[in-house]
Amino acid sequence: MNSRTGLIAAIAILLVVSGLISLLQGDRINADFVAYAEIAHRSMNSPATAVTGSWSPLFPWLMIPLLQLGVNDLIAGRIVLVLSGVLYICAIHRLAISVFPPDAPVNRSIMRAMMMCATIQAIWFSTYLLDPDLLACAIVYWYFVMILDPRTADDSWRSFIGGILAGMAYLAKAYMLPSA
């Protein structure tokens, strides 16, 4: 199995398993999700009341287009989280390829193990923890993909994108700023 096939398999597993778990959990929510859904609704109705000192805005902002289409809060949140899982798996895959080139058999085994762990973690975080942690991790890993690429040092556009990703990580979870 080549690297791209492994990535596609990981994404397919994430989509199927997290979709099934989300259906089974149907109406399960946690306190954090209630706060993020409330912020999304406030952002749509009265943006000035949506600013808080403790809740990060990116997750609710990503829910807004779905809410405006009439999607239920819980479904909108789960869709954002599953898509965050896809971004997370893709970022892990890109980082793994840069560290472990897939031409050596031992590296292919390491890649498979990393993708399996990333898929399990993405399934867990996209279905059980209804908060932006997975989104924040995905963005931080994409930030690392960008800044660890040797081409970034000579390309101001790539550096700019790295800065945008660091800012997005902060908007997803404020504690991500020191790590980015």
N, C-alpha and C. Protein backbone atom coordinates (compact mmCIF):
# COMPACT_ATOMS: atom_id res chain seq x y z
N MET A 1 0.85 -1.17 0.00
CA MET A 1 0.00 0.00 0.00
C MET A 1 0.89 1.24 0.00
N ASN A 2 0.65 2.14 -0.95
CA ASN A 2 1.47 3.35 -1.00
C ASN A 2 0.92 4.41 -0.05
N SER A 3 1.65 5.49 0.05
CA SER A 3 1.33 6.55 1.01
C SER A 3 -0.03 7.18 0.75
N ARG A 4 -0.32 7.45 -0.50
CA ARG A 4 -1.59 8.10 -0.86
C ARG A 4 -2.76 7.18 -0.56
N THR A 5 -2.61 5.89 -0.83
CA THR A 5 -3.67 4.93 -0.54
C THR A 5 -3.93 4.87 0.96
N GLY A 6 -2.87 4.92 1.76
CA GLY A 6 -3.01 4.93 3.22
C GLY A 6 -3.76 6.16 3.70
N LEU A 7 -3.48 7.31 3.09
CA LEU A 7 -4.17 8.54 3.45
C LEU A 7 -5.65 8.43 3.11
N ILE A 8 -5.95 7.95 1.93
CA ILE A 8 -7.35 7.81 1.51
C ILE A 8 -8.08 6.83 2.42
N ALA A 9 -7.42 5.73 2.77
CA ALA A 9 -8.03 4.74 3.67
C ALA A 9 -8.30 5.36 5.04
N ALA A 10 -7.36 6.13 5.56
CA ALA A 10 -7.53 6.76 6.87
C ALA A 10 -8.71 7.73 6.85
N ILE A 11 -8.80 8.53 5.79
CA ILE A 11 -9.92 9.48 5.69
C ILE A 11 -11.24 8.74 5.57
N ALA A 12 -11.27 7.68 4.77
CA ALA A 12 -12.51 6.91 4.61
C ALA A 12 -12.94 6.29 5.94
N ILE A 13 -11.99 5.74 6.67
CA ILE A 13 -12.30 5.15 7.98
C ILE A 13 -12.83 6.22 8.92
N LEU A 14 -12.17 7.38 8.94
CA LEU A 14 -12.64 8.48 9.78
C LEU A 14 -14.08 8.85 9.44
N LEU A 15 -14.37 9.03 8.17
CA LEU A 15 -15.71 9.46 7.76
C LEU A 15 -16.77 8.43 8.12
N VAL A 16 -16.49 7.16 7.85
CA VAL A 16 -17.47 6.12 8.13
C VAL A 16 -17.67 5.93 9.63
N VAL A 17 -16.59 5.75 10.36
CA VAL A 17 -16.71 5.45 11.80
C VAL A 17 -17.25 6.66 12.56
N SER A 18 -16.73 7.84 12.30
CA SER A 18 -17.24 9.01 13.03
C SER A 18 -18.68 9.32 12.63
N GLY A 19 -19.03 9.06 11.38
CA GLY A 19 -20.42 9.22 10.96
C GLY A 19 -21.35 8.28 11.71
N LEU A 20 -20.96 7.02 11.82
CA LEU A 20 -21.77 6.05 12.57
C LEU A 20 -21.86 6.39 14.05
N ILE A 21 -20.73 6.74 14.64
CA ILE A 21 -20.74 7.11 16.06
C ILE A 21 -21.61 8.34 16.28
N SER A 22 -21.51 9.32 15.39
CA SER A 22 -22.32 10.53 15.52
C SER A 22 -23.81 10.20 15.44
N LEU A 23 -24.17 9.28 14.57
CA LEU A 23 -25.57 8.86 14.48
C LEU A 23 -26.02 8.17 15.76
N LEU A 24 -25.15 7.32 16.30
CA LEU A 24 -25.50 6.60 17.53
C LEU A 24 -25.58 7.55 18.74
N GLN A 25 -24.73 8.57 18.74
CA GLN A 25 -24.73 9.50 19.87
C GLN A 25 -25.81 10.56 19.71
N GLY A 26 -26.33 10.70 18.51
CA GLY A 26 -27.43 11.61 18.20
C GLY A 26 -27.49 12.91 18.95
N ASP A 27 -27.99 12.88 20.17
CA ASP A 27 -28.24 14.11 20.91
C ASP A 27 -27.26 14.33 22.06
N ARG A 28 -26.15 13.63 22.08
CA ARG A 28 -25.17 13.78 23.15
C ARG A 28 -24.40 15.09 22.95
N ILE A 29 -24.38 15.91 24.00
CA ILE A 29 -23.63 17.16 23.96
C ILE A 29 -22.86 17.32 25.27
N ASN A 30 -21.99 18.28 25.31
CA ASN A 30 -21.29 18.62 26.55
C ASN A 30 -21.38 20.12 26.77
N ALA A 31 -20.99 20.57 27.94
CA ALA A 31 -21.14 21.98 28.29
C ALA A 31 -20.36 22.89 27.35
N ASP A 32 -19.17 22.49 26.94
CA ASP A 32 -18.39 23.32 26.02
C ASP A 32 -19.14 23.52 24.71
N PHE A 33 -19.73 22.45 24.19
CA PHE A 33 -20.43 22.58 22.91
C PHE A 33 -21.62 23.55 23.04
N VAL A 34 -22.31 23.50 24.15
CA VAL A 34 -23.43 24.43 24.36
C VAL A 34 -22.93 25.87 24.26
N ALA A 35 -21.80 26.15 24.88
CA ALA A 35 -21.23 27.50 24.84
C ALA A 35 -20.84 27.89 23.41
N TYR A 36 -20.20 26.96 22.69
CA TYR A 36 -19.79 27.29 21.32
C TYR A 36 -20.99 27.48 20.40
N ALA A 37 -22.02 26.68 20.56
CA ALA A 37 -23.24 26.85 19.75
C ALA A 37 -23.90 28.19 20.07
N GLU A 38 -23.91 28.56 21.32
CA GLU A 38 -24.49 29.85 21.72
C GLU A 38 -23.70 31.00 21.09
N ILE A 39 -22.38 30.88 21.07
CA ILE A 39 -21.55 31.92 20.46
C ILE A 39 -21.84 32.01 18.97
N ALA A 40 -22.04 30.88 18.31
CA ALA A 40 -22.37 30.89 16.89
C ALA A 40 -23.68 31.63 16.64
N HIS A 41 -24.68 31.36 17.46
CA HIS A 41 -25.97 32.04 17.30
C HIS A 41 -25.85 33.53 17.62
N ARG A 42 -25.09 33.87 18.64
CA ARG A 42 -24.88 35.28 18.95
C ARG A 42 -24.16 35.98 17.81
N SER A 43 -23.19 35.31 17.22
CA SER A 43 -22.44 35.91 16.10
C SER A 43 -23.35 36.21 14.93
N MET A 44 -24.34 35.38 14.73
CA MET A 44 -25.28 35.60 13.62
C MET A 44 -26.27 36.72 13.95
N ASN A 45 -26.74 36.76 15.19
CA ASN A 45 -27.82 37.68 15.55
C ASN A 45 -27.36 39.02 16.09
N SER A 46 -26.33 39.00 16.89
CA SER A 46 -25.82 40.23 17.52
C SER A 46 -24.32 40.06 17.78
N PRO A 47 -23.51 40.28 16.75
CA PRO A 47 -22.08 39.98 16.84
C PRO A 47 -21.36 40.58 18.05
N ALA A 48 -21.77 41.73 18.51
CA ALA A 48 -21.09 42.36 19.65
C ALA A 48 -21.25 41.54 20.92
N THR A 49 -22.33 40.78 21.03
CA THR A 49 -22.55 39.97 22.24
C THR A 49 -21.82 38.63 22.17
N ALA A 50 -21.19 38.33 21.03
CA ALA A 50 -20.52 37.04 20.86
C ALA A 50 -19.08 37.06 21.35
N VAL A 51 -18.55 38.23 21.63
CA VAL A 51 -17.16 38.33 22.08
C VAL A 51 -17.08 37.90 23.55
N THR A 52 -16.18 36.97 23.81
CA THR A 52 -16.01 36.49 25.18
C THR A 52 -14.54 36.51 25.54
N GLY A 53 -14.26 36.40 26.80
CA GLY A 53 -12.88 36.38 27.25
C GLY A 53 -12.33 34.98 27.39
N SER A 54 -13.18 33.97 27.23
CA SER A 54 -12.69 32.62 27.48
C SER A 54 -12.98 31.61 26.37
N TRP A 55 -13.88 31.91 25.45
CA TRP A 55 -14.24 30.94 24.41
C TRP A 55 -13.65 31.40 23.08
N SER A 56 -12.97 30.51 22.41
CA SER A 56 -12.33 30.83 21.13
C SER A 56 -13.37 30.88 20.02
N PRO A 57 -13.22 31.81 19.08
CA PRO A 57 -14.28 32.04 18.10
C PRO A 57 -14.26 31.20 16.83
N LEU A 58 -13.16 30.56 16.47
CA LEU A 58 -13.10 29.93 15.16
C LEU A 58 -14.11 28.79 14.98
N PHE A 59 -14.25 27.93 15.96
CA PHE A 59 -15.22 26.83 15.87
C PHE A 59 -16.64 27.35 15.63
N PRO A 60 -17.13 28.32 16.43
CA PRO A 60 -18.46 28.85 16.14
C PRO A 60 -18.55 29.53 14.77
N TRP A 61 -17.49 30.24 14.37
CA TRP A 61 -17.52 30.88 13.06
C TRP A 61 -17.67 29.85 11.94
N LEU A 62 -17.03 28.70 12.09
CA LEU A 62 -17.15 27.66 11.06
C LEU A 62 -18.52 26.99 11.07
N MET A 63 -19.20 27.04 12.19
CA MET A 63 -20.55 26.49 12.27
C MET A 63 -21.58 27.40 11.60
N ILE A 64 -21.34 28.69 11.55
CA ILE A 64 -22.32 29.67 11.09
C ILE A 64 -22.87 29.38 9.69
N PRO A 65 -22.04 29.11 8.67
CA PRO A 65 -22.63 28.85 7.35
C PRO A 65 -23.62 27.67 7.36
N LEU A 66 -23.30 26.65 8.12
CA LEU A 66 -24.21 25.51 8.21
C LEU A 66 -25.49 25.88 8.94
N LEU A 67 -25.37 26.64 10.01
CA LEU A 67 -26.55 27.09 10.75
C LEU A 67 -27.44 27.97 9.88
N GLN A 68 -26.82 28.81 9.05
CA GLN A 68 -27.60 29.67 8.16
C GLN A 68 -28.33 28.87 7.09
N LEU A 69 -27.82 27.68 6.78
CA LEU A 69 -28.51 26.79 5.84
C LEU A 69 -29.61 25.99 6.52
N GLY A 70 -29.78 26.19 7.83
CA GLY A 70 -30.83 25.50 8.56
C GLY A 70 -30.41 24.19 9.20
N VAL A 71 -29.11 23.93 9.22
CA VAL A 71 -28.61 22.70 9.84
C VAL A 71 -28.70 22.85 11.36
N ASN A 72 -29.10 21.79 12.02
CA ASN A 72 -29.18 21.72 13.48
C ASN A 72 -27.82 22.02 14.09
N ASP A 73 -27.81 22.68 15.28
CA ASP A 73 -26.55 23.04 15.96
C ASP A 73 -25.62 21.85 16.11
N LEU A 74 -26.15 20.76 16.63
CA LEU A 74 -25.32 19.58 16.91
C LEU A 74 -24.76 18.97 15.63
N ILE A 75 -25.56 18.92 14.60
CA ILE A 75 -25.08 18.38 13.32
C ILE A 75 -24.03 19.30 12.73
N ALA A 76 -24.26 20.60 12.79
CA ALA A 76 -23.28 21.56 12.27
C ALA A 76 -21.95 21.42 13.00
N GLY A 77 -22.01 21.32 14.32
CA GLY A 77 -20.78 21.16 15.09
C GLY A 77 -20.06 19.88 14.76
N ARG A 78 -20.81 18.80 14.61
CA ARG A 78 -20.19 17.51 14.28
C ARG A 78 -19.58 17.52 12.87
N ILE A 79 -20.23 18.20 11.95
CA ILE A 79 -19.67 18.30 10.59
C ILE A 79 -18.33 19.05 10.64
N VAL A 80 -18.30 20.16 11.37
CA VAL A 80 -17.05 20.92 11.49
C VAL A 80 -15.96 20.05 12.12
N LEU A 81 -16.33 19.27 13.13
CA LEU A 81 -15.34 18.43 13.80
C LEU A 81 -14.84 17.30 12.90
N VAL A 82 -15.73 16.68 12.14
CA VAL A 82 -15.29 15.60 11.24
C VAL A 82 -14.38 16.18 10.15
N LEU A 83 -14.73 17.34 9.62
CA LEU A 83 -13.86 17.97 8.63
C LEU A 83 -12.52 18.39 9.26
N SER A 84 -12.55 18.78 10.53
CA SER A 84 -11.30 19.06 11.25
C SER A 84 -10.46 17.79 11.35
N GLY A 85 -11.13 16.65 11.55
CA GLY A 85 -10.42 15.36 11.58
C GLY A 85 -9.75 15.05 10.26
N VAL A 86 -10.42 15.37 9.16
CA VAL A 86 -9.80 15.16 7.84
C VAL A 86 -8.56 16.03 7.70
N LEU A 87 -8.67 17.30 8.09
CA LEU A 87 -7.51 18.20 8.04
C LEU A 87 -6.38 17.70 8.93
N TYR A 88 -6.73 17.18 10.09
CA TYR A 88 -5.75 16.66 11.04
C TYR A 88 -5.00 15.47 10.43
N ILE A 89 -5.73 14.53 9.87
CA ILE A 89 -5.11 13.34 9.28
C ILE A 89 -4.21 13.74 8.10
N CYS A 90 -4.68 14.67 7.28
CA CYS A 90 -3.86 15.11 6.14
C CYS A 90 -2.58 15.80 6.61
N ALA A 91 -2.67 16.60 7.67
CA ALA A 91 -1.48 17.27 8.20
C ALA A 91 -0.49 16.27 8.78
N ILE A 92 -0.98 15.30 9.54
CA ILE A 92 -0.10 14.27 10.09
C ILE A 92 0.58 13.51 8.95
N HIS A 93 -0.17 13.21 7.91
CA HIS A 93 0.38 12.49 6.76
C HIS A 93 1.51 13.30 6.11
N ARG A 94 1.28 14.60 5.89
CA ARG A 94 2.31 15.44 5.27
C ARG A 94 3.56 15.54 6.15
N LEU A 95 3.35 15.70 7.45
CA LEU A 95 4.51 15.75 8.36
C LEU A 95 5.26 14.43 8.36
N ALA A 96 4.53 13.34 8.39
CA ALA A 96 5.17 12.02 8.42
C ALA A 96 5.99 11.78 7.16
N ILE A 97 5.47 12.17 6.01
CA ILE A 97 6.22 12.00 4.75
C ILE A 97 7.50 12.82 4.78
N SER A 98 7.44 14.02 5.36
CA SER A 98 8.65 14.84 5.38
C SER A 98 9.71 14.29 6.33
N VAL A 99 9.27 13.59 7.38
CA VAL A 99 10.22 13.03 8.34
C VAL A 99 10.64 11.60 7.98
N PHE A 100 9.69 10.82 7.48
CA PHE A 100 9.94 9.42 7.14
C PHE A 100 9.61 9.19 5.66
N PRO A 101 10.54 9.49 4.74
CA PRO A 101 10.26 9.26 3.32
C PRO A 101 9.82 7.81 3.11
N PRO A 102 8.72 7.59 2.38
CA PRO A 102 8.10 6.26 2.31
C PRO A 102 8.82 5.24 1.45
N ASP A 103 10.05 5.51 1.00
CA ASP A 103 10.72 4.54 0.14
C ASP A 103 11.33 3.37 0.91
N ALA A 104 11.59 3.53 2.19
CA ALA A 104 12.18 2.43 2.99
C ALA A 104 11.06 1.63 3.67
N PRO A 105 11.18 0.30 3.68
CA PRO A 105 10.13 -0.53 4.29
C PRO A 105 9.83 -0.17 5.75
N VAL A 106 10.87 0.13 6.54
CA VAL A 106 10.63 0.47 7.94
C VAL A 106 9.84 1.78 8.04
N ASN A 107 10.10 2.71 7.14
CA ASN A 107 9.36 3.97 7.14
C ASN A 107 7.90 3.75 6.77
N ARG A 108 7.63 2.83 5.86
CA ARG A 108 6.24 2.54 5.51
C ARG A 108 5.50 1.98 6.71
N SER A 109 6.16 1.16 7.51
CA SER A 109 5.54 0.63 8.73
C SER A 109 5.27 1.74 9.74
N ILE A 110 6.24 2.64 9.87
CA ILE A 110 6.06 3.77 10.79
C ILE A 110 4.90 4.64 10.31
N MET A 111 4.83 4.89 9.01
CA MET A 111 3.74 5.69 8.44
C MET A 111 2.38 5.04 8.72
N ARG A 112 2.29 3.74 8.51
CA ARG A 112 1.01 3.05 8.78
C ARG A 112 0.61 3.20 10.24
N ALA A 113 1.57 3.03 11.13
CA ALA A 113 1.28 3.16 12.56
C ALA A 113 0.85 4.59 12.91
N MET A 114 1.55 5.57 12.35
CA MET A 114 1.19 6.96 12.62
C MET A 114 -0.20 7.28 12.09
N MET A 115 -0.51 6.79 10.89
CA MET A 115 -1.82 7.07 10.32
C MET A 115 -2.93 6.37 11.11
N MET A 116 -2.64 5.18 11.60
CA MET A 116 -3.62 4.48 12.41
C MET A 116 -3.88 5.26 13.70
N CYS A 117 -2.84 5.70 14.36
CA CYS A 117 -2.99 6.48 15.60
C CYS A 117 -3.73 7.80 15.34
N ALA A 118 -3.35 8.48 14.26
CA ALA A 118 -4.00 9.75 13.93
C ALA A 118 -5.49 9.55 13.62
N THR A 119 -5.81 8.46 12.94
CA THR A 119 -7.21 8.18 12.61
C THR A 119 -8.02 7.89 13.87
N ILE A 120 -7.47 7.09 14.75
CA ILE A 120 -8.17 6.79 16.01
C ILE A 120 -8.37 8.06 16.82
N GLN A 121 -7.33 8.88 16.91
CA GLN A 121 -7.45 10.12 17.66
C GLN A 121 -8.47 11.06 17.02
N ALA A 122 -8.46 11.16 15.70
CA ALA A 122 -9.42 12.04 15.01
C ALA A 122 -10.85 11.55 15.22
N ILE A 123 -11.05 10.24 15.19
CA ILE A 123 -12.39 9.70 15.46
C ILE A 123 -12.82 10.05 16.87
N TRP A 124 -11.93 9.85 17.83
CA TRP A 124 -12.25 10.13 19.23
C TRP A 124 -12.59 11.61 19.44
N PHE A 125 -11.72 12.50 18.93
CA PHE A 125 -11.92 13.92 19.17
C PHE A 125 -13.08 14.50 18.37
N SER A 126 -13.44 13.89 17.25
CA SER A 126 -14.54 14.43 16.45
C SER A 126 -15.90 13.92 16.91
N THR A 127 -15.93 12.93 17.79
CA THR A 127 -17.22 12.39 18.22
C THR A 127 -17.45 12.52 19.72
N TYR A 128 -16.42 12.43 20.51
CA TYR A 128 -16.60 12.43 21.96
C TYR A 128 -16.43 13.83 22.54
N LEU A 129 -15.37 14.49 22.19
CA LEU A 129 -15.09 15.83 22.70
C LEU A 129 -15.64 16.86 21.72
N LEU A 130 -16.78 17.39 22.01
CA LEU A 130 -17.40 18.36 21.10
C LEU A 130 -16.88 19.76 21.41
N ASP A 131 -15.60 19.94 21.11
CA ASP A 131 -14.95 21.23 21.32
C ASP A 131 -13.88 21.40 20.24
N PRO A 132 -13.26 22.56 20.15
CA PRO A 132 -12.36 22.85 19.04
C PRO A 132 -10.94 22.30 19.16
N ASP A 133 -10.68 21.39 20.08
CA ASP A 133 -9.32 20.90 20.25
C ASP A 133 -8.77 20.25 18.98
N LEU A 134 -9.58 19.44 18.31
CA LEU A 134 -9.13 18.78 17.08
C LEU A 134 -8.86 19.81 15.98
N LEU A 135 -9.72 20.79 15.87
CA LEU A 135 -9.51 21.86 14.89
C LEU A 135 -8.21 22.60 15.16
N ALA A 136 -7.97 22.92 16.42
CA ALA A 136 -6.73 23.62 16.79
C ALA A 136 -5.51 22.77 16.48
N CYS A 137 -5.57 21.49 16.80
CA CYS A 137 -4.44 20.59 16.51
C CYS A 137 -4.19 20.50 15.01
N ALA A 138 -5.26 20.38 14.23
CA ALA A 138 -5.10 20.30 12.78
C ALA A 138 -4.40 21.54 12.24
N ILE A 139 -4.81 22.70 12.71
CA ILE A 139 -4.20 23.94 12.23
C ILE A 139 -2.74 24.04 12.66
N VAL A 140 -2.45 23.67 13.90
CA VAL A 140 -1.06 23.72 14.37
C VAL A 140 -0.19 22.77 13.57
N TYR A 141 -0.69 21.57 13.27
CA TYR A 141 0.11 20.64 12.47
C TYR A 141 0.32 21.17 11.05
N TRP A 142 -0.68 21.82 10.46
CA TRP A 142 -0.47 22.43 9.14
C TRP A 142 0.54 23.57 9.24
N TYR A 143 0.52 24.29 10.34
CA TYR A 143 1.53 25.32 10.57
C TYR A 143 2.92 24.69 10.58
N PHE A 144 3.08 23.56 11.29
CA PHE A 144 4.36 22.88 11.31
C PHE A 144 4.76 22.37 9.93
N VAL A 145 3.79 21.87 9.16
CA VAL A 145 4.08 21.45 7.78
C VAL A 145 4.69 22.63 7.02
N MET A 146 4.07 23.79 7.20
CA MET A 146 4.51 24.97 6.45
C MET A 146 5.89 25.44 6.91
N ILE A 147 6.10 25.60 8.21
CA ILE A 147 7.36 26.21 8.66
C ILE A 147 8.53 25.24 8.61
N LEU A 148 8.27 23.94 8.63
CA LEU A 148 9.37 22.98 8.56
C LEU A 148 9.78 22.66 7.12
N ASP A 149 9.03 23.17 6.18
CA ASP A 149 9.39 22.99 4.77
C ASP A 149 10.55 23.94 4.45
N PRO A 150 11.66 23.41 3.94
CA PRO A 150 12.82 24.26 3.66
C PRO A 150 12.53 25.39 2.68
N ARG A 151 11.53 25.23 1.84
CA ARG A 151 11.20 26.29 0.87
C ARG A 151 10.63 27.53 1.53
N THR A 152 10.11 27.40 2.75
CA THR A 152 9.48 28.54 3.42
C THR A 152 10.47 29.65 3.74
N ALA A 153 11.71 29.30 4.06
CA ALA A 153 12.71 30.31 4.41
C ALA A 153 12.97 31.29 3.28
N ASP A 154 12.83 30.84 2.04
CA ASP A 154 13.12 31.71 0.89
C ASP A 154 11.87 32.25 0.21
N ASP A 155 10.71 31.93 0.72
CA ASP A 155 9.47 32.32 0.06
C ASP A 155 8.60 33.10 1.04
N SER A 156 8.50 34.40 0.82
CA SER A 156 7.73 35.24 1.76
C SER A 156 6.24 34.86 1.76
N TRP A 157 5.73 34.39 0.65
CA TRP A 157 4.32 33.99 0.60
C TRP A 157 4.07 32.79 1.52
N ARG A 158 4.95 31.81 1.49
CA ARG A 158 4.81 30.65 2.38
C ARG A 158 4.95 31.07 3.85
N SER A 159 5.84 32.02 4.13
CA SER A 159 5.98 32.54 5.49
C SER A 159 4.71 33.25 5.93
N PHE A 160 4.12 34.00 5.01
CA PHE A 160 2.86 34.68 5.31
C PHE A 160 1.76 33.67 5.63
N ILE A 161 1.65 32.61 4.84
CA ILE A 161 0.66 31.56 5.10
C ILE A 161 0.93 30.91 6.46
N GLY A 162 2.19 30.71 6.80
CA GLY A 162 2.52 30.18 8.12
C GLY A 162 2.02 31.09 9.23
N GLY A 163 2.18 32.40 9.06
CA GLY A 163 1.67 33.36 10.03
C GLY A 163 0.15 33.33 10.14
N ILE A 164 -0.51 33.20 9.00
CA ILE A 164 -1.99 33.08 8.99
C ILE A 164 -2.40 31.83 9.76
N LEU A 165 -1.71 30.72 9.53
CA LEU A 165 -2.04 29.48 10.25
C LEU A 165 -1.83 29.63 11.75
N ALA A 166 -0.77 30.32 12.16
CA ALA A 166 -0.54 30.55 13.58
C ALA A 166 -1.67 31.38 14.18
N GLY A 167 -2.11 32.39 13.45
CA GLY A 167 -3.24 33.20 13.91
C GLY A 167 -4.53 32.39 13.99
N MET A 168 -4.75 31.52 13.01
CA MET A 168 -5.94 30.67 13.04
C MET A 168 -5.89 29.69 14.21
N ALA A 169 -4.71 29.19 14.52
CA ALA A 169 -4.57 28.30 15.67
C ALA A 169 -4.96 29.03 16.95
N TYR A 170 -4.53 30.27 17.06
CA TYR A 170 -4.91 31.08 18.22
C TYR A 170 -6.43 31.28 18.28
N LEU A 171 -7.06 31.52 17.13
CA LEU A 171 -8.51 31.70 17.10
C LEU A 171 -9.26 30.40 17.41
N ALA A 172 -8.61 29.28 17.14
CA ALA A 172 -9.24 27.98 17.46
C ALA A 172 -9.13 27.67 18.94
N LYS A 173 -8.00 27.93 19.52
CA LYS A 173 -7.76 27.72 20.96
C LYS A 173 -6.65 28.67 21.36
N ALA A 174 -6.91 29.57 22.28
CA ALA A 174 -5.93 30.61 22.64
C ALA A 174 -4.61 30.04 23.12
N TYR A 175 -4.65 28.88 23.78
CA TYR A 175 -3.39 28.33 24.30
C TYR A 175 -2.49 27.79 23.20
N MET A 176 -2.92 27.81 21.95
CA MET A 176 -2.08 27.36 20.84
C MET A 176 -1.05 28.42 20.45
N LEU A 177 -1.26 29.66 20.83
CA LEU A 177 -0.34 30.73 20.41
C LEU A 177 1.10 30.47 20.82
N PRO A 178 1.40 30.06 22.04
CA PRO A 178 2.81 29.82 22.37
C PRO A 178 3.43 28.67 21.58
N SER A 179 2.63 27.72 21.13
CA SER A 179 3.21 26.58 20.41
C SER A 179 3.41 26.89 18.94
N ALA A 180 2.77 27.94 18.42
CA ALA A 180 2.89 28.23 16.99
C ALA A 180 3.85 29.33 16.73
